[in-house]
Amino acid sequence: MNERNKRNEIGELVKIGPVVLQDYSCGCWGRHHPPRIESSQIVIEVGEGYRSNKHLHGQNLYVLEVDAENRVALIEMRKYGDLYGAGLWHYLIGVDDGVLFVCQTPSTIDTLAGTLEYLKPAAVRKAKAAGQDIKRQGDWFFIPTTRTPRGEVEHNQALDDDHVATDVIRKKTVVYVRGTVVHGQHATIYLDTWHRAVRNRAIRTGRLARGGGAD
């Protein structure tokens, strides 16, 4: 087995930040438990979770790639057992601007470079290719626009649960922001002109969609 794919080992992961393993505790239904942030640690549940004469459930961790310098890693979680059956999930975990994060990414991408590129929306990739100065705070990218957007300006409005902007104009499918963008843990950024706000392409379902890992 490749050294980076040893099962349920976190020797490389602790290089990116506080990562701990806990016993997988699932009950008879055996649902997959994604990594989570708890008590200033990234907690990953592994091992056999429930066994009876009818049921067996467990999940294992495989470390796909670690970038210790940039404090980010790509991991794979594999669920085995009956009822909800087997499956695998990929997660990007690490520390961004001093903030712990967990985000689900496509299980078809096995490299950090590929995953990080996937997370950039098409509008961000296009703007970068054009040489525009893209700012980022956590999940959000901010692309400068040369046009003043039309619409009602809302003040001190939240983009999601955590990011709050001074001025916001909301369209049906586009959000524009101006002024400061504040997050409780990330550094505040300042946008002196209107910028289009675009969220990354992380998969947001279940616990992660309810704020258990995104930033």
N, C-alpha and C. Protein backbone atom coordinates (compact mmCIF):
# COMPACT_ATOMS: atom_id res chain seq x y z
N MET A 1 0.85 -1.20 0.00
CA MET A 1 0.00 0.00 0.00
C MET A 1 0.88 1.25 0.00
N ASN A 2 0.52 2.24 -0.78
CA ASN A 2 1.25 3.50 -0.82
C ASN A 2 1.32 4.12 0.57
N GLU A 3 2.46 4.72 0.90
CA GLU A 3 2.65 5.28 2.24
C GLU A 3 1.59 6.32 2.58
N ARG A 4 1.16 7.09 1.57
CA ARG A 4 0.21 8.17 1.86
C ARG A 4 -1.20 7.63 2.09
N ASN A 5 -1.44 6.36 1.76
CA ASN A 5 -2.78 5.81 1.85
C ASN A 5 -2.97 4.83 2.99
N LYS A 6 -2.08 4.86 3.99
CA LYS A 6 -2.27 3.99 5.13
C LYS A 6 -3.58 4.32 5.84
N ARG A 7 -4.27 3.29 6.25
CA ARG A 7 -5.60 3.48 6.82
C ARG A 7 -5.53 3.97 8.27
N ASN A 8 -6.35 4.98 8.55
CA ASN A 8 -6.56 5.47 9.92
C ASN A 8 -5.27 5.94 10.60
N GLU A 9 -4.37 6.57 9.85
CA GLU A 9 -3.17 7.14 10.42
C GLU A 9 -3.17 8.65 10.18
N ILE A 10 -2.79 9.42 11.20
CA ILE A 10 -2.82 10.88 11.07
C ILE A 10 -1.44 11.50 11.26
N GLY A 11 -0.40 10.69 11.13
CA GLY A 11 0.95 11.22 11.31
C GLY A 11 1.24 12.41 10.42
N GLU A 12 0.81 12.36 9.16
CA GLU A 12 1.02 13.48 8.24
C GLU A 12 0.03 14.61 8.50
N LEU A 13 -1.18 14.26 8.92
CA LEU A 13 -2.23 15.27 9.09
C LEU A 13 -1.92 16.24 10.22
N VAL A 14 -1.27 15.77 11.27
CA VAL A 14 -1.01 16.68 12.39
C VAL A 14 -0.05 17.79 12.01
N LYS A 15 0.59 17.67 10.86
CA LYS A 15 1.48 18.74 10.38
C LYS A 15 0.70 19.97 9.95
N ILE A 16 -0.59 19.79 9.63
CA ILE A 16 -1.37 20.94 9.17
C ILE A 16 -2.10 21.63 10.30
N GLY A 17 -2.27 20.95 11.45
CA GLY A 17 -3.01 21.54 12.55
C GLY A 17 -3.53 20.48 13.50
N PRO A 18 -4.40 20.89 14.43
CA PRO A 18 -4.91 19.96 15.43
C PRO A 18 -5.96 18.99 14.86
N VAL A 19 -5.51 17.81 14.47
CA VAL A 19 -6.38 16.77 13.93
C VAL A 19 -6.36 15.58 14.89
N VAL A 20 -7.54 15.10 15.27
CA VAL A 20 -7.62 13.97 16.20
C VAL A 20 -8.58 12.92 15.65
N LEU A 21 -8.34 11.66 16.03
CA LEU A 21 -9.23 10.57 15.68
C LEU A 21 -10.12 10.21 16.87
N GLN A 22 -11.37 9.90 16.59
CA GLN A 22 -12.29 9.38 17.59
C GLN A 22 -12.92 8.11 17.06
N ASP A 23 -13.44 7.27 17.97
CA ASP A 23 -14.13 6.06 17.56
C ASP A 23 -15.41 6.43 16.83
N TYR A 24 -15.66 5.76 15.74
CA TYR A 24 -16.88 5.96 14.97
C TYR A 24 -18.06 5.44 15.78
N SER A 25 -19.00 6.32 16.09
CA SER A 25 -20.16 5.96 16.90
C SER A 25 -21.41 6.26 16.11
N CYS A 26 -22.04 5.20 15.58
CA CYS A 26 -23.08 5.42 14.58
C CYS A 26 -24.45 4.87 14.94
N GLY A 27 -24.55 3.93 15.89
CA GLY A 27 -25.83 3.28 16.13
C GLY A 27 -26.16 2.30 15.02
N CYS A 28 -27.32 1.68 15.11
CA CYS A 28 -27.65 0.59 14.19
C CYS A 28 -27.85 1.04 12.75
N TRP A 29 -28.13 2.35 12.54
CA TRP A 29 -28.40 2.80 11.17
C TRP A 29 -27.12 3.02 10.38
N GLY A 30 -26.04 3.31 11.03
CA GLY A 30 -24.74 3.36 10.37
C GLY A 30 -24.56 4.46 9.35
N ARG A 31 -25.00 5.66 9.66
CA ARG A 31 -24.80 6.77 8.72
C ARG A 31 -23.33 7.20 8.70
N HIS A 32 -22.91 7.72 7.55
CA HIS A 32 -21.56 8.28 7.44
C HIS A 32 -21.45 9.54 8.28
N HIS A 33 -20.37 9.67 9.02
CA HIS A 33 -20.10 10.87 9.80
C HIS A 33 -18.92 11.61 9.17
N PRO A 34 -19.15 12.80 8.63
CA PRO A 34 -18.04 13.56 8.03
C PRO A 34 -17.13 14.12 9.11
N PRO A 35 -15.91 14.51 8.75
CA PRO A 35 -15.06 15.22 9.71
C PRO A 35 -15.77 16.48 10.20
N ARG A 36 -15.44 16.90 11.41
CA ARG A 36 -16.11 18.08 11.97
C ARG A 36 -15.11 18.88 12.80
N ILE A 37 -15.46 20.12 13.06
CA ILE A 37 -14.65 20.99 13.91
C ILE A 37 -15.30 21.04 15.28
N GLU A 38 -14.53 20.67 16.29
CA GLU A 38 -15.06 20.59 17.65
C GLU A 38 -13.94 20.90 18.63
N SER A 39 -14.20 21.82 19.56
CA SER A 39 -13.22 22.19 20.58
C SER A 39 -11.87 22.55 19.97
N SER A 40 -11.92 23.36 18.91
CA SER A 40 -10.71 23.85 18.23
C SER A 40 -9.85 22.73 17.67
N GLN A 41 -10.50 21.64 17.25
CA GLN A 41 -9.82 20.53 16.62
C GLN A 41 -10.65 20.01 15.44
N ILE A 42 -9.97 19.42 14.46
CA ILE A 42 -10.66 18.70 13.40
C ILE A 42 -10.79 17.26 13.86
N VAL A 43 -12.01 16.81 14.05
CA VAL A 43 -12.28 15.49 14.59
C VAL A 43 -12.72 14.55 13.46
N ILE A 44 -12.07 13.39 13.37
CA ILE A 44 -12.39 12.40 12.35
C ILE A 44 -12.73 11.08 13.05
N GLU A 45 -13.93 10.56 12.78
CA GLU A 45 -14.35 9.31 13.39
C GLU A 45 -13.97 8.13 12.50
N VAL A 46 -13.34 7.12 13.10
CA VAL A 46 -12.89 5.96 12.34
C VAL A 46 -13.13 4.68 13.14
N GLY A 47 -13.07 3.55 12.41
CA GLY A 47 -13.16 2.24 13.05
C GLY A 47 -14.55 1.64 12.94
N GLU A 48 -14.69 0.50 13.59
CA GLU A 48 -15.98 -0.20 13.59
C GLU A 48 -16.93 0.50 14.54
N GLY A 49 -18.13 0.80 14.05
CA GLY A 49 -19.06 1.57 14.86
C GLY A 49 -20.15 0.77 15.52
N TYR A 50 -20.70 -0.19 14.82
CA TYR A 50 -21.82 -0.96 15.38
C TYR A 50 -21.81 -2.35 14.77
N ARG A 51 -21.94 -3.33 15.63
CA ARG A 51 -22.00 -4.72 15.16
C ARG A 51 -23.05 -5.47 15.96
N SER A 52 -23.87 -6.24 15.24
CA SER A 52 -24.82 -7.15 15.86
C SER A 52 -24.92 -8.37 14.96
N ASN A 53 -25.84 -9.27 15.27
CA ASN A 53 -25.99 -10.44 14.39
C ASN A 53 -26.66 -10.07 13.06
N LYS A 54 -27.11 -8.82 12.94
CA LYS A 54 -27.76 -8.38 11.71
C LYS A 54 -27.00 -7.23 11.03
N HIS A 55 -26.26 -6.45 11.79
CA HIS A 55 -25.68 -5.23 11.25
C HIS A 55 -24.19 -5.13 11.55
N LEU A 56 -23.48 -4.46 10.64
CA LEU A 56 -22.08 -4.12 10.83
C LEU A 56 -21.81 -2.81 10.12
N HIS A 57 -21.24 -1.84 10.85
CA HIS A 57 -20.94 -0.54 10.27
C HIS A 57 -19.57 -0.06 10.71
N GLY A 58 -18.91 0.65 9.84
CA GLY A 58 -17.64 1.26 10.19
C GLY A 58 -17.21 2.24 9.12
N GLN A 59 -16.20 3.03 9.42
CA GLN A 59 -15.64 3.91 8.40
C GLN A 59 -14.15 4.09 8.65
N ASN A 60 -13.44 4.26 7.53
CA ASN A 60 -11.99 4.37 7.57
C ASN A 60 -11.51 5.64 6.90
N LEU A 61 -10.34 6.08 7.33
CA LEU A 61 -9.68 7.27 6.81
C LEU A 61 -8.49 6.89 5.95
N TYR A 62 -8.35 7.54 4.81
CA TYR A 62 -7.16 7.40 3.97
C TYR A 62 -6.67 8.80 3.63
N VAL A 63 -5.41 9.07 3.91
CA VAL A 63 -4.82 10.38 3.62
C VAL A 63 -4.30 10.37 2.18
N LEU A 64 -4.89 11.20 1.33
CA LEU A 64 -4.50 11.23 -0.08
C LEU A 64 -3.31 12.13 -0.35
N GLU A 65 -3.31 13.32 0.25
CA GLU A 65 -2.19 14.25 0.01
C GLU A 65 -2.18 15.32 1.10
N VAL A 66 -0.98 15.69 1.52
CA VAL A 66 -0.81 16.70 2.56
C VAL A 66 0.16 17.77 2.08
N ASP A 67 -0.21 19.03 2.27
CA ASP A 67 0.67 20.17 2.01
C ASP A 67 0.90 20.85 3.36
N ALA A 68 1.97 20.44 4.05
CA ALA A 68 2.23 20.95 5.39
C ALA A 68 2.53 22.45 5.37
N GLU A 69 3.21 22.93 4.33
CA GLU A 69 3.59 24.34 4.26
C GLU A 69 2.35 25.23 4.21
N ASN A 70 1.36 24.84 3.42
CA ASN A 70 0.14 25.64 3.30
C ASN A 70 -0.98 25.15 4.21
N ARG A 71 -0.69 24.14 5.03
CA ARG A 71 -1.59 23.64 6.06
C ARG A 71 -2.94 23.20 5.50
N VAL A 72 -2.88 22.33 4.51
CA VAL A 72 -4.09 21.81 3.89
C VAL A 72 -3.84 20.36 3.49
N ALA A 73 -4.90 19.55 3.54
CA ALA A 73 -4.78 18.13 3.19
C ALA A 73 -6.06 17.65 2.53
N LEU A 74 -5.91 16.63 1.69
CA LEU A 74 -7.05 15.98 1.05
C LEU A 74 -7.15 14.58 1.63
N ILE A 75 -8.32 14.23 2.16
CA ILE A 75 -8.51 12.92 2.76
C ILE A 75 -9.71 12.22 2.13
N GLU A 76 -9.72 10.92 2.28
CA GLU A 76 -10.85 10.10 1.81
C GLU A 76 -11.43 9.34 2.98
N MET A 77 -12.76 9.38 3.12
CA MET A 77 -13.47 8.60 4.13
C MET A 77 -14.26 7.50 3.42
N ARG A 78 -14.07 6.26 3.87
CA ARG A 78 -14.79 5.13 3.28
C ARG A 78 -15.69 4.51 4.33
N LYS A 79 -16.97 4.43 4.02
CA LYS A 79 -17.97 3.83 4.91
C LYS A 79 -18.25 2.41 4.43
N TYR A 80 -18.25 1.46 5.35
CA TYR A 80 -18.60 0.09 4.99
C TYR A 80 -19.73 -0.40 5.90
N GLY A 81 -20.46 -1.40 5.42
CA GLY A 81 -21.55 -1.96 6.22
C GLY A 81 -22.82 -2.10 5.42
N ASP A 82 -23.90 -2.41 6.12
CA ASP A 82 -25.19 -2.66 5.48
C ASP A 82 -26.14 -1.48 5.68
N LEU A 83 -27.41 -1.68 5.38
CA LEU A 83 -28.46 -0.67 5.44
C LEU A 83 -28.10 0.53 4.56
N TYR A 84 -27.34 1.50 5.08
CA TYR A 84 -26.97 2.64 4.26
C TYR A 84 -25.81 2.32 3.33
N GLY A 85 -25.22 1.13 3.52
CA GLY A 85 -24.25 0.62 2.57
C GLY A 85 -22.92 1.33 2.57
N ALA A 86 -22.10 0.94 1.60
CA ALA A 86 -20.76 1.47 1.48
C ALA A 86 -20.76 2.76 0.67
N GLY A 87 -19.70 3.53 0.82
CA GLY A 87 -19.54 4.75 0.04
C GLY A 87 -18.21 5.38 0.37
N LEU A 88 -17.84 6.36 -0.42
CA LEU A 88 -16.62 7.11 -0.10
C LEU A 88 -16.84 8.58 -0.37
N TRP A 89 -16.14 9.39 0.43
CA TRP A 89 -16.27 10.84 0.37
C TRP A 89 -14.89 11.46 0.49
N HIS A 90 -14.67 12.56 -0.21
CA HIS A 90 -13.42 13.30 -0.10
C HIS A 90 -13.66 14.62 0.63
N TYR A 91 -12.68 15.00 1.45
CA TYR A 91 -12.77 16.25 2.20
C TYR A 91 -11.43 16.97 2.14
N LEU A 92 -11.53 18.27 1.97
CA LEU A 92 -10.37 19.15 2.10
C LEU A 92 -10.41 19.68 3.53
N ILE A 93 -9.32 19.50 4.27
CA ILE A 93 -9.29 19.96 5.66
C ILE A 93 -8.01 20.76 5.87
N GLY A 94 -8.03 21.64 6.88
CA GLY A 94 -6.81 22.38 7.16
C GLY A 94 -7.07 23.66 7.90
N VAL A 95 -6.15 24.61 7.71
CA VAL A 95 -6.20 25.91 8.38
C VAL A 95 -6.07 26.99 7.32
N ASP A 96 -7.02 27.93 7.32
CA ASP A 96 -7.01 29.03 6.36
C ASP A 96 -7.08 30.34 7.12
N ASP A 97 -6.04 31.16 7.03
CA ASP A 97 -6.02 32.44 7.72
C ASP A 97 -6.22 32.24 9.23
N GLY A 98 -5.66 31.15 9.74
CA GLY A 98 -5.77 30.85 11.17
C GLY A 98 -7.06 30.16 11.57
N VAL A 99 -7.93 29.88 10.61
CA VAL A 99 -9.24 29.29 10.90
C VAL A 99 -9.28 27.84 10.41
N LEU A 100 -9.70 26.92 11.29
CA LEU A 100 -9.88 25.53 10.88
C LEU A 100 -11.04 25.41 9.91
N PHE A 101 -10.92 24.52 8.93
CA PHE A 101 -12.02 24.32 8.00
C PHE A 101 -12.09 22.86 7.55
N VAL A 102 -13.30 22.48 7.16
CA VAL A 102 -13.57 21.19 6.53
C VAL A 102 -14.53 21.44 5.40
N CYS A 103 -14.22 20.98 4.20
CA CYS A 103 -15.20 21.11 3.12
C CYS A 103 -15.19 19.84 2.27
N GLN A 104 -16.38 19.43 1.86
CA GLN A 104 -16.51 18.23 1.03
C GLN A 104 -16.22 18.58 -0.42
N THR A 105 -15.49 17.69 -1.08
CA THR A 105 -15.10 17.91 -2.48
C THR A 105 -15.43 16.66 -3.29
N PRO A 106 -15.41 16.71 -4.61
CA PRO A 106 -15.79 15.56 -5.42
C PRO A 106 -14.87 14.36 -5.17
N SER A 107 -15.46 13.19 -5.05
CA SER A 107 -14.69 11.98 -4.79
C SER A 107 -13.95 11.50 -6.03
N THR A 108 -14.19 12.16 -7.16
CA THR A 108 -13.50 11.79 -8.40
C THR A 108 -12.14 12.46 -8.55
N ILE A 109 -11.83 13.41 -7.65
CA ILE A 109 -10.56 14.14 -7.74
C ILE A 109 -9.66 13.70 -6.59
N ASP A 110 -8.47 13.18 -6.91
CA ASP A 110 -7.60 12.57 -5.91
C ASP A 110 -6.37 13.39 -5.57
N THR A 111 -6.22 14.59 -6.13
CA THR A 111 -5.04 15.40 -5.87
C THR A 111 -5.43 16.74 -5.25
N LEU A 112 -4.51 17.28 -4.47
CA LEU A 112 -4.76 18.60 -3.88
C LEU A 112 -4.87 19.67 -4.95
N ALA A 113 -3.95 19.66 -5.91
CA ALA A 113 -3.97 20.68 -6.95
C ALA A 113 -5.29 20.65 -7.72
N GLY A 114 -5.74 19.45 -8.07
CA GLY A 114 -6.99 19.32 -8.80
C GLY A 114 -8.18 19.77 -7.98
N THR A 115 -8.17 19.45 -6.69
CA THR A 115 -9.27 19.83 -5.81
C THR A 115 -9.33 21.34 -5.62
N LEU A 116 -8.18 21.95 -5.38
CA LEU A 116 -8.16 23.40 -5.18
C LEU A 116 -8.59 24.15 -6.44
N GLU A 117 -8.21 23.62 -7.60
CA GLU A 117 -8.63 24.24 -8.86
C GLU A 117 -10.13 24.07 -9.06
N TYR A 118 -10.65 22.90 -8.71
CA TYR A 118 -12.09 22.65 -8.84
C TYR A 118 -12.89 23.65 -8.00
N LEU A 119 -12.40 23.97 -6.81
CA LEU A 119 -13.16 24.85 -5.91
C LEU A 119 -13.33 26.26 -6.45
N LYS A 120 -12.49 26.66 -7.38
CA LYS A 120 -12.62 28.00 -7.96
C LYS A 120 -13.76 28.01 -8.98
N PRO A 121 -14.77 28.82 -8.80
CA PRO A 121 -15.84 28.92 -9.80
C PRO A 121 -15.29 29.40 -11.14
N ALA A 122 -16.02 29.12 -12.20
CA ALA A 122 -15.59 29.50 -13.55
C ALA A 122 -15.34 31.00 -13.65
N ALA A 123 -16.17 31.80 -12.99
CA ALA A 123 -16.01 33.26 -13.05
C ALA A 123 -14.69 33.69 -12.43
N VAL A 124 -14.25 32.98 -11.39
CA VAL A 124 -12.98 33.30 -10.74
C VAL A 124 -11.81 32.92 -11.64
N ARG A 125 -11.87 31.74 -12.25
CA ARG A 125 -10.80 31.31 -13.14
C ARG A 125 -10.67 32.27 -14.33
N LYS A 126 -11.82 32.70 -14.86
CA LYS A 126 -11.80 33.62 -16.00
C LYS A 126 -11.20 34.96 -15.61
N ALA A 127 -11.57 35.45 -14.43
CA ALA A 127 -11.05 36.74 -13.96
C ALA A 127 -9.55 36.67 -13.71
N LYS A 128 -9.09 35.55 -13.12
CA LYS A 128 -7.65 35.39 -12.88
C LYS A 128 -6.89 35.35 -14.20
N ALA A 129 -7.45 34.65 -15.18
CA ALA A 129 -6.79 34.56 -16.49
C ALA A 129 -6.68 35.93 -17.15
N ALA A 130 -7.64 36.81 -16.83
CA ALA A 130 -7.64 38.16 -17.39
C ALA A 130 -6.75 39.11 -16.59
N GLY A 131 -6.13 38.60 -15.53
CA GLY A 131 -5.23 39.42 -14.74
C GLY A 131 -5.89 40.27 -13.69
N GLN A 132 -7.15 40.01 -13.36
CA GLN A 132 -7.85 40.81 -12.37
C GLN A 132 -7.37 40.46 -10.95
N ASP A 133 -7.47 41.42 -10.06
CA ASP A 133 -7.05 41.24 -8.68
C ASP A 133 -8.22 40.64 -7.88
N ILE A 134 -8.17 39.34 -7.64
CA ILE A 134 -9.25 38.65 -6.93
C ILE A 134 -8.91 38.61 -5.45
N LYS A 135 -9.85 39.01 -4.62
CA LYS A 135 -9.68 38.90 -3.18
C LYS A 135 -10.50 37.71 -2.67
N ARG A 136 -10.07 37.13 -1.55
CA ARG A 136 -10.78 35.98 -1.00
C ARG A 136 -10.83 36.10 0.52
N GLN A 137 -11.96 35.68 1.05
CA GLN A 137 -12.12 35.55 2.50
C GLN A 137 -12.90 34.27 2.76
N GLY A 138 -12.19 33.22 3.24
CA GLY A 138 -12.85 31.94 3.47
C GLY A 138 -13.44 31.37 2.20
N ASP A 139 -14.74 31.07 2.24
CA ASP A 139 -15.44 30.46 1.11
C ASP A 139 -15.66 31.42 -0.05
N TRP A 140 -15.50 32.72 0.16
CA TRP A 140 -15.94 33.72 -0.81
C TRP A 140 -14.79 34.34 -1.58
N PHE A 141 -15.01 34.47 -2.89
CA PHE A 141 -14.12 35.22 -3.78
C PHE A 141 -14.82 36.53 -4.15
N PHE A 142 -14.02 37.58 -4.37
CA PHE A 142 -14.58 38.87 -4.73
C PHE A 142 -13.88 39.37 -6.00
N ILE A 143 -14.68 39.51 -7.06
CA ILE A 143 -14.18 39.86 -8.39
C ILE A 143 -14.55 41.31 -8.69
N PRO A 144 -13.57 42.17 -8.96
CA PRO A 144 -13.89 43.58 -9.25
C PRO A 144 -14.72 43.71 -10.53
N THR A 145 -15.65 44.65 -10.53
CA THR A 145 -16.47 44.90 -11.70
C THR A 145 -16.32 46.35 -12.12
N THR A 146 -16.32 46.59 -13.41
CA THR A 146 -16.14 47.95 -13.91
C THR A 146 -17.46 48.71 -13.98
N ARG A 147 -18.56 48.00 -13.82
CA ARG A 147 -19.88 48.63 -13.90
C ARG A 147 -20.47 48.77 -12.50
N THR A 148 -21.18 49.86 -12.30
CA THR A 148 -21.91 50.04 -11.04
C THR A 148 -23.22 49.27 -11.13
N PRO A 149 -23.43 48.27 -10.31
CA PRO A 149 -24.66 47.48 -10.40
C PRO A 149 -25.88 48.29 -10.01
N ARG A 150 -26.99 47.98 -10.65
CA ARG A 150 -28.24 48.65 -10.32
C ARG A 150 -28.99 47.83 -9.29
N GLY A 151 -29.72 48.51 -8.45
CA GLY A 151 -30.52 47.82 -7.45
C GLY A 151 -30.43 48.49 -6.10
N GLU A 152 -31.26 48.03 -5.18
CA GLU A 152 -31.30 48.59 -3.83
C GLU A 152 -30.06 48.17 -3.05
N VAL A 153 -29.41 49.15 -2.45
CA VAL A 153 -28.23 48.87 -1.64
C VAL A 153 -28.66 48.57 -0.21
N GLU A 154 -28.32 47.37 0.25
CA GLU A 154 -28.56 46.99 1.63
C GLU A 154 -27.28 47.18 2.42
N HIS A 155 -27.41 47.56 3.67
CA HIS A 155 -26.24 47.85 4.48
C HIS A 155 -26.05 46.81 5.58
N ASN A 156 -24.79 46.48 5.81
CA ASN A 156 -24.41 45.53 6.87
C ASN A 156 -25.22 44.23 6.77
N GLN A 157 -25.12 43.62 5.60
CA GLN A 157 -25.88 42.41 5.31
C GLN A 157 -24.95 41.18 5.28
N ALA A 158 -25.49 40.06 5.74
CA ALA A 158 -24.73 38.81 5.77
C ALA A 158 -24.78 38.13 4.40
N LEU A 159 -23.62 37.67 3.95
CA LEU A 159 -23.56 36.87 2.73
C LEU A 159 -23.95 35.43 3.03
N ASP A 160 -23.65 34.98 4.25
CA ASP A 160 -24.05 33.67 4.74
C ASP A 160 -24.12 33.79 6.26
N ASP A 161 -23.86 32.72 6.98
CA ASP A 161 -23.96 32.78 8.44
C ASP A 161 -22.85 33.60 9.08
N ASP A 162 -21.74 33.79 8.38
CA ASP A 162 -20.55 34.34 9.03
C ASP A 162 -19.95 35.59 8.40
N HIS A 163 -20.18 35.81 7.12
CA HIS A 163 -19.52 36.91 6.40
C HIS A 163 -20.51 38.07 6.23
N VAL A 164 -20.13 39.26 6.69
CA VAL A 164 -21.02 40.42 6.66
C VAL A 164 -20.34 41.55 5.88
N ALA A 165 -21.07 42.14 4.91
CA ALA A 165 -20.52 43.20 4.07
C ALA A 165 -21.22 44.52 4.35
N THR A 166 -20.47 45.62 4.18
CA THR A 166 -21.03 46.95 4.42
C THR A 166 -22.18 47.26 3.48
N ASP A 167 -21.93 47.11 2.16
CA ASP A 167 -22.95 47.40 1.15
C ASP A 167 -23.16 46.16 0.28
N VAL A 168 -24.43 45.83 0.05
CA VAL A 168 -24.76 44.63 -0.73
C VAL A 168 -25.90 44.96 -1.69
N ILE A 169 -25.76 44.54 -2.94
CA ILE A 169 -26.84 44.58 -3.92
C ILE A 169 -27.09 43.14 -4.38
N ARG A 170 -28.30 42.66 -4.21
CA ARG A 170 -28.63 41.28 -4.56
C ARG A 170 -29.46 41.24 -5.84
N LYS A 171 -28.98 40.50 -6.81
CA LYS A 171 -29.74 40.20 -8.01
C LYS A 171 -30.29 38.78 -7.88
N LYS A 172 -30.98 38.30 -8.92
CA LYS A 172 -31.53 36.95 -8.86
C LYS A 172 -30.43 35.90 -8.71
N THR A 173 -29.36 36.06 -9.45
CA THR A 173 -28.30 35.05 -9.42
C THR A 173 -26.93 35.62 -9.08
N VAL A 174 -26.85 36.92 -8.81
CA VAL A 174 -25.56 37.57 -8.58
C VAL A 174 -25.66 38.45 -7.33
N VAL A 175 -24.58 38.49 -6.56
CA VAL A 175 -24.50 39.37 -5.40
C VAL A 175 -23.27 40.27 -5.57
N TYR A 176 -23.48 41.58 -5.34
CA TYR A 176 -22.38 42.53 -5.40
C TYR A 176 -22.16 43.13 -4.01
N VAL A 177 -20.89 43.37 -3.67
CA VAL A 177 -20.58 43.93 -2.36
C VAL A 177 -19.57 45.06 -2.52
N ARG A 178 -19.56 45.94 -1.50
CA ARG A 178 -18.63 47.06 -1.47
C ARG A 178 -18.36 47.41 -0.01
N GLY A 179 -17.19 47.95 0.25
CA GLY A 179 -16.84 48.33 1.62
C GLY A 179 -16.11 47.20 2.33
N THR A 180 -16.31 47.09 3.62
CA THR A 180 -15.64 46.04 4.39
C THR A 180 -16.43 44.74 4.33
N VAL A 181 -15.70 43.63 4.39
CA VAL A 181 -16.30 42.31 4.56
C VAL A 181 -15.68 41.73 5.82
N VAL A 182 -16.54 41.44 6.79
CA VAL A 182 -16.08 41.07 8.12
C VAL A 182 -16.47 39.63 8.42
N HIS A 183 -15.55 38.91 9.04
CA HIS A 183 -15.79 37.55 9.52
C HIS A 183 -15.22 37.48 10.93
N GLY A 184 -15.86 36.72 11.79
CA GLY A 184 -15.44 36.66 13.18
C GLY A 184 -14.04 36.16 13.40
N GLN A 185 -13.50 35.39 12.43
CA GLN A 185 -12.16 34.82 12.60
C GLN A 185 -11.19 35.22 11.50
N HIS A 186 -11.69 35.41 10.28
CA HIS A 186 -10.81 35.83 9.19
C HIS A 186 -10.49 37.32 9.29
N ALA A 187 -9.37 37.69 8.68
CA ALA A 187 -9.01 39.11 8.62
C ALA A 187 -10.04 39.86 7.79
N THR A 188 -10.39 41.06 8.22
CA THR A 188 -11.33 41.91 7.48
C THR A 188 -10.68 42.36 6.18
N ILE A 189 -11.46 42.36 5.10
CA ILE A 189 -10.96 42.89 3.83
C ILE A 189 -11.77 44.13 3.46
N TYR A 190 -11.16 45.01 2.65
CA TYR A 190 -11.82 46.23 2.22
C TYR A 190 -11.88 46.28 0.70
N LEU A 191 -13.09 46.53 0.18
CA LEU A 191 -13.33 46.63 -1.26
C LEU A 191 -13.74 48.07 -1.56
N ASP A 192 -12.86 48.83 -2.19
CA ASP A 192 -13.17 50.24 -2.40
C ASP A 192 -14.11 50.48 -3.57
N THR A 193 -14.33 49.44 -4.40
CA THR A 193 -15.31 49.52 -5.49
C THR A 193 -16.22 48.30 -5.41
N TRP A 194 -17.23 48.29 -6.27
CA TRP A 194 -18.12 47.14 -6.28
C TRP A 194 -17.41 45.89 -6.78
N HIS A 195 -17.66 44.78 -6.11
CA HIS A 195 -17.12 43.48 -6.48
C HIS A 195 -18.26 42.46 -6.53
N ARG A 196 -18.13 41.54 -7.45
CA ARG A 196 -19.08 40.42 -7.50
C ARG A 196 -18.62 39.38 -6.49
N ALA A 197 -19.53 38.94 -5.63
CA ALA A 197 -19.22 37.94 -4.61
C ALA A 197 -19.59 36.55 -5.14
N VAL A 198 -18.62 35.66 -5.14
CA VAL A 198 -18.83 34.31 -5.67
C VAL A 198 -18.34 33.30 -4.65
N ARG A 199 -19.18 32.37 -4.27
CA ARG A 199 -18.79 31.36 -3.28
C ARG A 199 -18.11 30.19 -3.96
N ASN A 200 -17.20 29.54 -3.24
CA ASN A 200 -16.50 28.41 -3.84
C ASN A 200 -17.45 27.23 -4.10
N ARG A 201 -16.94 26.19 -4.76
CA ARG A 201 -17.78 25.10 -5.24
C ARG A 201 -17.79 23.89 -4.31
N ALA A 202 -17.47 24.10 -3.03
CA ALA A 202 -17.52 22.99 -2.08
C ALA A 202 -18.92 22.40 -2.05
N ILE A 203 -18.99 21.08 -1.83
CA ILE A 203 -20.28 20.39 -1.74
C ILE A 203 -20.86 20.70 -0.37
N ARG A 204 -22.08 21.22 -0.33
CA ARG A 204 -22.70 21.62 0.93
C ARG A 204 -23.95 20.79 1.17
N THR A 205 -23.78 19.73 1.92
CA THR A 205 -24.91 18.85 2.26
C THR A 205 -24.81 18.47 3.72
N GLY A 206 -25.94 18.08 4.32
CA GLY A 206 -25.94 17.55 5.68
C GLY A 206 -25.32 18.48 6.68
N ARG A 207 -24.46 17.94 7.54
CA ARG A 207 -23.86 18.68 8.63
C ARG A 207 -23.02 19.84 8.12
N LEU A 208 -22.29 19.66 7.02
CA LEU A 208 -21.43 20.72 6.50
C LEU A 208 -22.27 21.89 6.01
N ALA A 209 -23.44 21.61 5.45
CA ALA A 209 -24.30 22.68 4.95
C ALA A 209 -24.88 23.50 6.10
N ARG A 210 -24.95 22.90 7.31
CA ARG A 210 -25.50 23.60 8.46
C ARG A 210 -24.43 24.32 9.26
N GLY A 211 -23.25 24.45 8.67
CA GLY A 211 -22.21 25.23 9.34
C GLY A 211 -21.22 24.41 10.12
N GLY A 212 -21.19 23.09 9.90
CA GLY A 212 -20.28 22.24 10.66
C GLY A 212 -18.87 22.25 10.15
N GLY A 213 -18.59 22.98 9.06
CA GLY A 213 -17.21 22.93 8.59
C GLY A 213 -16.83 24.03 7.64
N ALA A 214 -17.78 24.59 6.92
CA ALA A 214 -17.43 25.63 5.95
C ALA A 214 -17.04 26.90 6.66
N ASP A 215 -16.30 27.75 5.96
CA ASP A 215 -15.92 29.03 6.55
C ASP A 215 -16.09 30.18 5.56
